[in-house]
Protein backbone atom coordinates (compact mmCIF):
# COMPACT_ATOMS: atom_id res chain seq x y z
CA MET A 1 21.37 36.67 -14.74
CA ILE A 2 18.68 35.35 -16.78
CA TYR A 3 16.06 34.70 -13.22
CA LYS A 4 17.29 38.46 -13.04
CA ILE A 5 15.94 39.94 -16.33
CA THR A 6 12.78 37.61 -16.02
CA GLN A 7 12.58 39.15 -12.51
CA THR A 8 12.65 42.35 -14.27
CA ILE A 9 10.35 41.51 -16.84
CA PHE A 10 7.83 39.78 -15.15
CA TRP A 11 7.40 40.42 -11.16
CA PRO A 12 6.64 44.00 -10.79
CA PRO A 13 3.17 42.94 -12.41
CA PHE A 14 2.88 40.08 -11.27
CA PHE A 15 3.61 41.72 -8.04
CA ILE A 16 1.09 44.58 -8.98
CA LEU A 17 -1.52 41.58 -9.66
CA ALA A 18 -1.03 39.32 -6.72
CA LYS A 19 -1.13 42.22 -3.95
CA ILE A 20 -3.95 43.06 -5.22
CA ILE A 21 -5.46 40.09 -5.58
CA LEU A 22 -4.67 37.60 -2.26
CA ARG A 23 -4.90 39.25 1.35
CA ILE A 24 -2.19 39.58 2.63
CA LYS A 25 -0.57 41.10 5.61
CA VAL A 26 2.63 41.76 5.90
CA ILE A 27 4.11 41.66 10.25
CA ASN A 28 7.30 43.10 10.25
CA LYS A 29 8.36 41.71 13.98
CA LYS A 30 11.58 43.89 14.53
CA LYS A 31 10.93 46.31 12.21
CA ILE A 32 14.48 45.38 10.13
CA ASP A 33 15.22 47.27 6.96
CA LEU A 34 13.18 44.69 4.31
CA LYS A 35 14.22 46.86 1.64
CA ASN A 36 17.49 47.21 2.43
CA ILE A 37 18.48 43.89 3.41
CA LYS A 38 21.34 41.79 1.57
CA GLY A 39 22.33 38.99 0.30
CA PRO A 40 23.56 36.29 1.17
CA ILE A 41 20.73 35.38 3.41
CA ILE A 42 18.86 32.02 3.66
CA VAL A 43 15.61 32.62 3.70
CA ALA A 44 13.68 29.71 5.62
CA SER A 45 9.68 28.82 6.43
CA ASN A 46 7.22 26.80 7.26
CA HIS A 47 5.42 26.20 4.47
CA LYS A 48 1.81 25.66 4.67
CA SER A 49 0.29 25.88 -0.01
CA ARG A 50 2.21 25.58 -3.34
CA ILE A 51 2.28 29.63 -3.35
CA ASP A 52 4.11 30.54 -0.48
CA PRO A 53 6.96 31.18 -2.86
CA LEU A 54 4.84 33.42 -3.76
CA LEU A 55 3.29 34.58 -0.18
CA ILE A 56 6.80 34.58 0.40
CA GLY A 57 8.24 37.24 -2.44
CA LEU A 58 5.63 39.59 -1.81
CA ALA A 59 6.10 40.45 1.98
CA PHE A 60 8.85 42.60 1.11
CA PRO A 61 9.75 45.94 -0.62
CA LEU A 62 9.13 45.27 -4.88
CA PHE A 63 12.32 47.12 -4.80
CA ASN A 64 14.71 45.45 -2.30
CA LYS A 65 18.45 44.03 -2.81
CA ILE A 66 17.93 40.21 -2.64
CA TYR A 67 15.50 39.21 -5.49
CA PRO A 68 16.08 37.05 -6.89
CA ILE A 69 15.06 34.40 -4.01
CA ARG A 70 15.64 31.64 -5.62
CA PHE A 71 13.48 28.70 -4.45
CA MET A 72 14.64 25.07 -3.42
CA THR A 73 11.75 23.33 -5.18
CA ALA A 74 10.43 19.77 -5.71
CA ASP A 75 11.47 17.71 -8.63
CA GLY A 76 8.35 16.78 -9.72
CA TYR A 77 6.64 20.64 -10.37
CA LEU A 78 9.61 21.28 -12.64
CA LYS A 79 8.95 18.28 -14.90
CA ILE A 80 4.96 20.06 -15.10
CA PRO A 81 5.43 20.92 -19.01
CA ILE A 82 5.32 25.57 -18.80
CA LEU A 83 4.50 25.62 -14.90
CA GLY A 84 8.12 24.07 -14.78
CA GLN A 85 9.74 26.39 -17.46
CA PHE A 86 7.85 29.10 -15.15
CA ILE A 87 9.25 28.02 -12.38
CA LYS A 88 12.84 27.57 -13.42
CA LEU A 89 13.00 30.99 -14.99
CA MET A 90 11.97 32.81 -12.29
CA GLY A 91 14.93 30.86 -10.19
CA GLY A 92 13.72 27.45 -9.00
CA PHE A 93 15.54 25.36 -8.89
CA PRO A 94 14.93 21.00 -7.91
CA VAL A 95 15.63 19.79 -4.49
CA PHE A 96 17.10 16.10 -6.10
CA LYS A 97 15.18 13.94 -3.27
CA LYS A 98 16.31 10.68 -2.83
CA GLN A 99 20.21 12.22 -4.93
CA GLY A 100 22.63 13.17 -2.51
CA ILE A 101 22.86 16.12 0.08
CA GLU A 102 25.98 17.57 -1.41
CA LYS A 103 24.06 17.15 -4.61
CA SER A 104 21.48 19.09 -3.38
CA LEU A 105 22.92 22.13 -1.83
CA LYS A 106 25.74 22.63 -4.51
CA LEU A 107 23.83 25.25 -6.86
CA PRO A 108 22.41 26.32 -3.69
CA LEU A 109 25.65 27.06 -1.91
CA GLU A 110 27.05 28.84 -5.25
CA ILE A 111 24.53 31.16 -5.13
CA LEU A 112 25.49 31.84 -1.19
CA ALA A 113 29.06 32.59 -2.12
CA SER A 114 27.90 34.58 -4.60
CA GLY A 115 25.79 37.05 -3.24
CA GLY A 116 22.50 35.47 -3.77
CA ALA A 117 19.47 34.73 -1.46
CA ILE A 118 17.66 31.30 -0.91
CA GLY A 119 14.47 29.85 -0.28
CA ILE A 120 13.80 27.18 1.58
CA PHE A 121 10.91 25.10 3.63
CA PRO A 122 13.24 23.08 6.48
CA GLU A 123 10.14 20.47 7.02
CA GLY A 124 10.52 19.38 3.41
CA LYS A 125 7.13 19.18 2.77
CA MET A 126 3.82 21.04 3.46
CA VAL A 127 2.83 20.99 6.93
CA LYS A 128 -0.80 22.67 7.32
CA ASP A 129 -1.29 21.87 10.92
CA GLU A 130 0.47 25.00 12.79
CA ASN A 131 0.40 22.02 15.86
CA SER A 132 2.20 19.57 13.93
CA GLU A 133 4.78 18.02 15.44
CA SER A 134 6.91 17.65 12.11
CA GLY A 135 10.82 17.38 11.89
CA ALA A 136 12.92 20.07 9.62
CA LYS A 137 15.42 17.87 7.56
CA ILE A 138 19.20 18.32 7.64
CA GLY A 139 19.58 20.91 4.88
CA VAL A 140 19.23 24.17 5.89
CA ALA A 141 21.17 23.57 9.22
CA VAL A 142 24.22 22.39 6.84
CA LEU A 143 23.42 24.92 3.89
CA ALA A 144 23.81 27.67 6.82
CA LEU A 145 27.11 26.70 8.41
CA LYS A 146 28.84 25.31 5.03
CA SER A 147 27.64 28.91 3.53
CA GLN A 148 28.77 31.00 6.95
CA SER A 149 25.23 32.79 5.77
CA PRO A 150 21.68 33.92 8.16
CA ILE A 151 19.27 32.95 8.32
CA LEU A 152 16.10 34.95 8.23
CA PRO A 153 13.05 33.20 9.52
CA ILE A 154 10.02 33.04 8.49
CA ALA A 155 6.02 32.28 9.15
CA ILE A 156 3.49 31.67 6.99
CA LYS A 157 -0.87 31.87 8.86
CA ILE A 158 -3.11 31.10 6.23
CA LYS A 159 -6.60 32.47 8.84
CA PRO A 160 -9.86 32.62 7.37
CA LEU A 161 -11.54 33.50 4.43
CA LEU A 162 -8.18 32.29 2.60
CA LYS A 163 -6.54 35.97 4.12
CA TYR A 164 -2.58 35.53 4.43
CA GLU A 165 -0.32 36.57 6.87
CA ILE A 166 3.16 36.93 6.57
CA ILE A 167 5.56 36.72 9.24
CA VAL A 168 8.80 38.70 9.56
CA GLY A 169 11.51 37.70 12.00
CA GLU A 170 15.42 39.32 11.99
CA PRO A 171 18.44 37.79 10.68
CA PHE A 172 20.38 35.11 12.93
CA PRO A 173 23.59 33.12 12.61
CA LEU A 174 23.40 29.95 12.95
CA GLN A 175 27.23 29.69 13.60
CA ASN A 176 26.50 31.90 16.25
CA LEU A 177 23.81 29.68 18.86
CA ILE A 178 26.25 26.82 18.23
CA ASP A 179 29.49 25.16 19.77
CA LYS A 180 32.12 25.57 17.55
CA ASN A 181 33.19 21.82 17.57
CA ILE A 182 29.75 21.10 16.16
CA ASP A 183 30.28 18.37 13.22
CA VAL A 184 29.08 19.38 10.12
CA ASN A 185 29.00 15.95 9.15
CA SER A 186 26.56 15.16 11.88
CA TYR A 187 23.54 13.31 10.87
CA ASP A 188 22.35 13.74 14.67
CA GLU A 189 23.81 17.41 15.11
CA MET A 190 22.34 18.87 11.98
CA LYS A 191 19.14 17.48 12.65
CA ASP A 192 19.01 19.04 16.11
CA LEU A 193 20.18 22.58 15.26
CA SER A 194 17.24 21.99 12.07
CA GLN A 195 15.29 22.01 14.61
CA ILE A 196 16.80 25.33 16.22
CA VAL A 197 15.35 26.99 13.05
CA MET A 198 12.21 25.78 13.11
CA LYS A 199 11.69 26.59 16.57
CA LYS A 200 13.15 30.64 15.64
CA ILE A 201 10.79 30.26 13.43
CA ALA A 202 7.91 29.05 14.84
CA ALA A 203 8.24 31.45 17.90
CA LEU A 204 7.04 34.30 15.43
CA TYR A 205 2.85 32.74 16.31
CA TYR A 206 3.88 34.51 19.14
């Protein structure tokens, strides 16, 4: 509840200011209704810069049904005075790096179970090269299968002169793309499924 309160107070003026300052073009490839899209949903994107969570939030109309999108955040950022507290108030939560995937996914699974929205960068780090073959971590696949939540793919492009393109795809249920006998505890199988998610994101570039 605290995240909805803080976003209700801080997000509207921040949204308007960011829209004025940042040069953002939103491309809604499938013409989906971004205002009325509902949770539970996993918003999965490539990761170009530290402001990507902000850029993704700006891709949706100001008043929509999935705010706040709560982002998995690198532990280090949450330890920075003031900035860390702001990130937490806006819904950011730690990844718990090297402490086990069960611990890292406990809170996002609870959020999705309650009909919320989770933002995740499947590669687990910033990858600025669009042609990079950086692999996805298994988290996005495990989260999608355990929660049975659809994935909304988003691709972020940084154009010359700091112009941003946010390309929004179409939500898809990962479980519909796989054999029903898939083992969610198999690292290799989850790795392959996470790569499918990254391919969905990469396809938005074309």
